Amino acid sequence: MNPNTFWRLLLASSILIGVLGILALDDIDTNISGDGIPNRPQREPPIEYPWDRALQIIAVVALSAMTAIYSWVKIIR
């Protein structure tokens, strides 16, 4: 395999992982009422925002961005 091809595949896959991670962040909703309508409190306690899941996704997106930048630099050289 050509080394340039490897870096291009790594760049494409890291960009794809980053985009999918950002889309996954949009999918995390805060539903404090439990009835599908956000921010309408009822009798139950509010559901907390899932920060543990969000931080994991953010970490993967950040690593993916760093990998994309590194592979881009390798392709340019």
Protein backbone atom coordinates (compact mmCIF):
# COMPACT_ATOMS: atom_id res chain seq x y z
CA MET A 1 0.00 0.00 0.00
CA ASN A 2 1.23 3.44 -0.87
CA PRO A 3 1.96 5.52 2.29
CA ASN A 4 0.07 8.45 0.80
CA THR A 5 -2.99 6.25 0.34
CA PHE A 6 -2.83 5.19 3.98
CA TRP A 7 -2.81 8.81 5.18
CA ARG A 8 -5.71 9.69 2.86
CA LEU A 9 -7.77 6.78 4.19
CA LEU A 10 -6.93 7.81 7.74
CA LEU A 11 -7.95 11.40 6.96
CA ALA A 12 -11.27 10.35 5.43
CA SER A 13 -12.12 7.97 8.26
CA SER A 14 -11.24 10.48 10.99
CA ILE A 15 -13.39 13.15 9.32
CA LEU A 16 -16.26 10.67 9.07
CA ILE A 17 -15.91 9.72 12.74
CA GLY A 18 -15.85 13.40 13.71
CA VAL A 19 -18.98 14.20 11.75
CA LEU A 20 -20.83 11.20 13.16
CA GLY A 21 -19.75 12.22 16.67
CA ILE A 22 -21.07 15.73 16.23
CA LEU A 23 -24.36 14.33 14.93
CA ALA A 24 -24.52 12.02 17.96
CA LEU A 25 -24.21 15.05 20.25
CA ASP A 26 -27.25 16.54 18.59
CA ASP A 27 -29.16 13.35 19.34
CA ILE A 28 -28.77 13.70 23.12
CA ASP A 29 -31.92 15.42 24.32
CA THR A 30 -32.89 16.87 27.65
CA ASN A 31 -36.39 15.71 28.41
CA ILE A 32 -37.24 16.83 31.93
CA SER A 33 -40.93 16.00 31.75
CA GLY A 34 -40.84 12.43 30.49
CA ASP A 35 -43.67 13.01 28.01
CA GLY A 36 -41.59 13.83 24.93
CA ILE A 37 -41.98 17.60 25.27
CA PRO A 38 -38.71 19.15 26.48
CA ASN A 39 -38.62 21.56 29.42
CA ARG A 40 -42.18 21.02 30.65
CA PRO A 41 -41.84 19.94 34.28
CA GLN A 42 -44.43 17.65 35.80
CA ARG A 43 -44.60 15.52 38.93
CA GLU A 44 -41.42 13.51 38.36
CA PRO A 45 -37.91 14.80 39.08
CA PRO A 46 -36.09 16.23 36.09
CA ILE A 47 -33.88 14.02 33.96
CA GLU A 48 -30.28 15.25 34.08
CA TYR A 49 -28.34 15.94 30.91
CA PRO A 50 -26.14 12.90 30.16
CA TRP A 51 -22.79 14.67 30.55
CA ASP A 52 -20.88 11.41 30.91
CA ARG A 53 -22.00 10.31 27.45
CA ALA A 54 -21.50 13.78 25.98
CA LEU A 55 -17.93 14.03 27.31
CA GLN A 56 -17.06 10.66 25.81
CA ILE A 57 -18.36 11.77 22.42
CA ILE A 58 -16.48 15.08 22.68
CA ALA A 59 -13.25 13.22 23.50
CA VAL A 60 -13.65 10.97 20.45
CA VAL A 61 -14.38 13.96 18.21
CA ALA A 62 -11.31 15.80 19.55
CA LEU A 63 -9.06 12.78 18.96
CA SER A 64 -10.52 12.38 15.51
CA ALA A 65 -9.84 16.04 14.71
CA MET A 66 -6.23 15.72 15.87
CA THR A 67 -5.79 12.59 13.76
CA ALA A 68 -7.27 14.37 10.74
CA ILE A 69 -4.90 17.30 11.17
CA TYR A 70 -1.90 15.00 11.57
CA SER A 71 -2.80 12.95 8.50
CA TRP A 72 -3.39 16.14 6.49
CA VAL A 73 0.11 17.34 7.40
CA LYS A 74 1.53 13.96 6.34
CA ILE A 75 -0.27 14.16 2.99
CA ILE A 76 0.99 17.68 2.28
CA ARG A 77 4.63 16.78 2.95
